[in-house]
Amino acid sequence: MPVTALLLSAASLLVLDGCGRKPAQQGAPPPQQVQIVTIEGRSVHVSSQLPGRLEAFEIAMVRPQVNGVIQKRLFTEGADVVAGQQLYQIDPSPYQATYDSASGQLAQANANAVTARAKLERYGPLMKAHAVSKQEYDDALAAARAADAQILIAKGQVESAAVNLRYTKVNSPITGRIGRSLLTVGALATTGQTANLAVVTRLDPIFVDVNLPAISLLRFRREVASGRIHTNPDNTVPVSLQMEDGSTYELPGRMQFSEVNVDEATATVVVRAVFPNPNKLLLPGMYVHATLDEGIDPNALLVPQQAVTRNTHGDPQVFALNADDKVELRQVATGSANGADWIVSSGLKQGDRVIVVGLQKVHPGDKVKPVPFDSGTPSEEKK
C-alpha cells in the first residue's frame, strides 16, 4: 500500500475518534452564600419620631380700619406687645371734625325734642277743653315723635363717628411678638388694603404639626387606651422635641390626637402637639422632630434596616429562607426605628431567617448557603 494512502487512513481514524468523544460536563455552581439573621423577640423601649413644622398659636394681621396718613409708629420692631396696645396713630383730624359735627346735630335734635314735647304737653289739656282741634293735637304728637327719631339718628351718627375716631388709633388685637413695620410714618393707609401694617404672632405656647400615617394614629390610640403609652394627669400624651440642629428642647409638650379627616392622597392625618415656649426659642416655620414615647415592647421583632427593601409601590419587603434554604419574598409592616433596626409589626415571626447581605445576588426560589450575619462585614462586600 502506498505511503500516501496509509497517512490518509490514519487521519480519518483520528477524525472519527474525535467526533465520537463528548466534552466533560462541568459541575453545577455552588449555592450563593448569603448572610442572615434569625428573628427573635426582644424587650425594646419603643419611641416614634414624627417630623413636623412649628406653627404659631395665634397670628394677627394688623390692617387699618380707616383711611388716613400714618402720623406715628408707637412700637419697637421685634418687641413683645399686649392686646390693646396702640401700635400706630392715623391722622385723626377729619374724624374728629365729623365727630364734633355729629355731636352738634345730636344736641340740636335734643333741643328740638324739648320744644316738641312741651308743645304736646300744652295741647293735651287744651284739646280736652276744646280750645284746640284734634288735628292740631295730632300734629303736635307727630312732631314730638319725629323729634325723638331725630335724636336716635343723631346718636347713631355720633357713635359711627366715635368708632372711626377710635380706629385712628391702631391697637394690637392679641398679645404676642410684633415683626417689622410694613408701612412707615407718612404713608397713606386705606381700608381694604391687602398689605398689612404689621403682623403680631403669639409664640407661647406654640404648635408642632406633623403628618402621621392613619394606621399609626390608630396604633397610638390603642396604645393610649391600653395604658402602654403613659399619659399626663390630664390624660394628655407627653411628647419631647428634637431641634433641627439635633439638640433636645428642654420643655416637654403634649400631643393632641384631634384630627378627624384623613388625606385621601397620602393616607395621613395632621396631628398637633403643643409646647410651652416662654423664652421664644421656638419660631414658626422651624423643622423639628416630635418624639413620642411608646413604652416597653417585651417581644419586639427587630430586623436590620439594610435587610428591608421596597417594591414599586413603596411597600416594605424582605427576603426570608424556608426550611430548604430557598429564598422567599415576604411583605412586612415596619414600625419605628430602633437604632439600625426596624421594628416589624407583621409579616415575620420568631425563628424566621432573613437575608441581610447578598440581596442583589438572589431571587425568589433560589437555593442559597446561609451564614450568620457579620455586622463588621465591609460595606463593599454587603453591596
Foldseek 3Di string as FASTA:
>chain_A
DDPVVVVVVVVVVVVVVVVVDDDDDDDDDDFAEFAWDFWFFAKDFDKFKFKWFWDFPDKDFFAFPAKAFWADADDDAFAWDAAFAFGTAGDLVVLVVQLVVLVVQLVVLVVQLVVLVVVLVVVPVCVVVVVDDPVVNVVSVVSNVVSVVSNVVSVVSNVVSVVNSVSSGGTHRHTATKHDAPDDGGDIGHPPDPHGRIMGTHVFKIKTKGWAAPVVLVVVVVLLVVCQQPADPVSFGKKWKAFPVGHTDPWIWTWDSPWDDADPVPNITITMIITGDVPSPGDGGGIIIIMGGRHMDRTWTKDFPQQWDADPVRFIWGWWADPQQFTDIWGWDFDHDDVRITGTDDGDDGRIMTTRADPVPHDGGGHHHYDHDDPPPDPVRRD
